[in-house]
Protein backbone atom coordinates (compact mmCIF):
# COMPACT_ATOMS: atom_id res chain seq x y z
CA MET A 1 74.09 102.91 42.08
CA ARG A 2 72.12 106.06 41.52
CA THR A 3 68.49 105.37 40.77
CA PHE A 4 66.06 108.00 39.71
CA ILE A 5 62.56 107.16 38.58
CA LEU A 6 61.42 109.71 36.05
CA ALA A 7 58.34 109.44 33.91
CA ALA A 8 58.27 111.11 30.49
CA VAL A 9 54.71 111.67 29.31
CA ALA A 10 52.75 113.86 26.97
CA ALA A 11 50.71 116.54 28.75
CA VAL A 12 47.79 118.45 27.30
CA ILE A 13 47.44 122.03 28.48
CA GLY A 14 44.19 123.98 28.40
CA VAL A 15 41.21 123.51 26.09
CA THR A 16 43.12 124.55 22.99
CA GLY A 17 44.89 121.19 22.73
CA VAL A 18 48.38 122.64 23.03
CA GLY A 19 50.66 119.92 24.39
CA PHE A 20 54.24 118.98 25.10
CA ALA A 21 56.20 115.82 25.86
CA GLY A 22 58.36 115.63 28.94
CA ALA A 23 58.87 114.33 32.44
CA VAL A 24 56.00 114.50 34.88
CA GLY A 25 56.38 117.87 36.55
CA GLY A 26 58.67 119.12 33.79
CA PRO A 27 62.18 118.27 32.55
CA ARG A 28 64.55 116.63 35.01
CA ALA A 29 68.27 117.22 35.50
CA ASN A 30 70.96 115.82 37.76
CA THR A 31 74.55 117.03 38.12
CA THR A 32 76.97 114.54 39.65
CA ARG A 33 80.33 112.93 39.05
CA VAL A 34 81.22 109.42 37.97
CA ASN A 35 84.44 108.01 39.36
CA ALA A 36 87.35 106.91 37.18
CA ARG A 37 86.61 103.70 35.26
CA ALA A 38 83.17 103.49 36.91
CA THR A 39 79.55 103.43 35.79
CA ASP A 40 76.55 105.39 37.08
CA VAL A 41 73.19 103.66 36.59
CA TYR A 42 69.79 105.34 36.37
CA THR A 43 66.34 103.80 36.01
CA ILE A 44 64.02 106.09 34.07
CA SER A 45 60.42 105.30 33.13
CA PHE A 46 59.21 106.50 29.75
CA ARG A 47 55.77 106.29 28.18
CA CYS A 48 55.04 104.35 25.02
CA GLY A 49 54.71 106.46 21.87
CA GLU A 50 56.53 109.52 23.21
CA THR A 51 60.01 110.53 22.06
CA ALA A 52 62.35 110.20 25.02
CA ARG A 53 65.57 112.25 25.04
CA ILE A 54 68.56 111.80 27.32
CA VAL A 55 71.52 114.20 27.26
CA VAL A 56 74.78 113.80 29.19
CA ASP A 57 77.14 116.78 29.23
CA GLY A 58 80.51 115.85 30.73
CA ASP A 59 83.29 118.14 31.90
CA GLY A 60 85.61 116.99 29.09
CA ASP A 61 88.29 115.48 31.34
CA THR A 62 87.54 111.89 30.26
CA ASP A 63 85.62 109.89 27.67
CA LEU A 64 82.04 109.21 28.78
CA ASP A 65 79.73 106.74 27.04
CA VAL A 66 75.95 106.40 27.45
CA TYR A 67 73.98 103.18 26.96
CA VAL A 68 70.20 102.78 27.26
CA TYR A 69 68.61 99.36 27.85
CA ASP A 70 64.99 98.27 28.06
CA GLU A 71 63.64 96.36 31.06
CA PHE A 72 64.67 93.08 29.42
CA GLY A 73 68.32 94.11 29.07
CA ASN A 74 68.19 94.82 25.33
CA LEU A 75 70.39 97.70 24.16
CA ILE A 76 68.04 100.35 22.74
CA THR A 77 70.44 103.19 21.92
CA LYS A 78 73.95 104.32 22.74
CA ASP A 79 76.34 107.20 22.28
CA ASP A 80 79.95 106.13 22.61
CA ASN A 81 81.67 108.86 20.62
CA LYS A 82 84.60 110.86 21.96
CA HIS A 83 82.64 114.11 22.43
CA ARG A 84 81.78 115.59 25.81
CA LEU A 85 78.09 116.05 24.91
CA LEU A 86 76.27 112.73 24.49
CA ARG A 87 72.70 112.21 23.34
CA GLY A 88 70.29 109.31 23.38
CA GLN A 89 66.87 109.32 21.80
CA LEU A 90 64.35 106.52 21.82
CA HIS A 91 60.75 105.81 20.96
CA PRO A 92 59.68 103.34 23.66
CA PRO A 93 57.61 100.43 22.32
CA PHE A 94 56.01 100.10 25.76
CA THR A 95 55.57 102.12 28.93
CA GLY A 96 58.09 101.07 31.51
CA PRO A 97 61.53 101.42 33.02
CA PHE A 98 64.70 101.89 31.00
CA THR A 99 68.24 101.64 32.34
CA VAL A 100 70.68 104.42 31.50
CA ARG A 101 74.37 103.68 32.07
CA VAL A 102 76.90 106.51 32.08
CA VAL A 103 80.35 104.92 31.73
CA ASN A 104 83.57 106.80 32.50
CA ARG A 105 86.44 105.39 30.38
CA GLY A 106 89.05 107.68 31.96
CA VAL A 107 91.48 107.52 34.88
CA VAL A 108 90.00 110.53 36.75
CA TYR A 109 86.44 111.40 37.74
CA ASN A 110 84.16 113.26 35.32
CA GLN A 111 81.50 115.72 36.47
CA TYR A 112 78.47 115.64 34.19
CA ARG A 113 74.88 116.77 33.90
CA LEU A 114 72.21 114.27 32.88
CA THR A 115 68.93 115.72 31.58
CA THR A 116 65.77 114.21 30.17
CA ASN A 117 62.78 115.79 28.44
């Protein structure tokens, strides 16, 4: 299991009130491969009230699906289409950990890049 703790928060820059939403320290990205008929699991913490975005860009060799669950195991969002670029967006009702599952439906590995805001 791959576990990455990322926190997506709103940050206010300067005295002008200009702000942006994103992971603490900026956007996060991870490039890895998921084995054939296997699942990679990430734990990512998001802040309540901020739009959280998750993007998975596979190599196109197999069908990847992405599922996002809250800390209670409830499915929050999913992208199980047949495209190589998958997106998940959520508006967390609370600050806390969310589980992201990247599922490889194919018979060979798939190299992909997971990014969050």
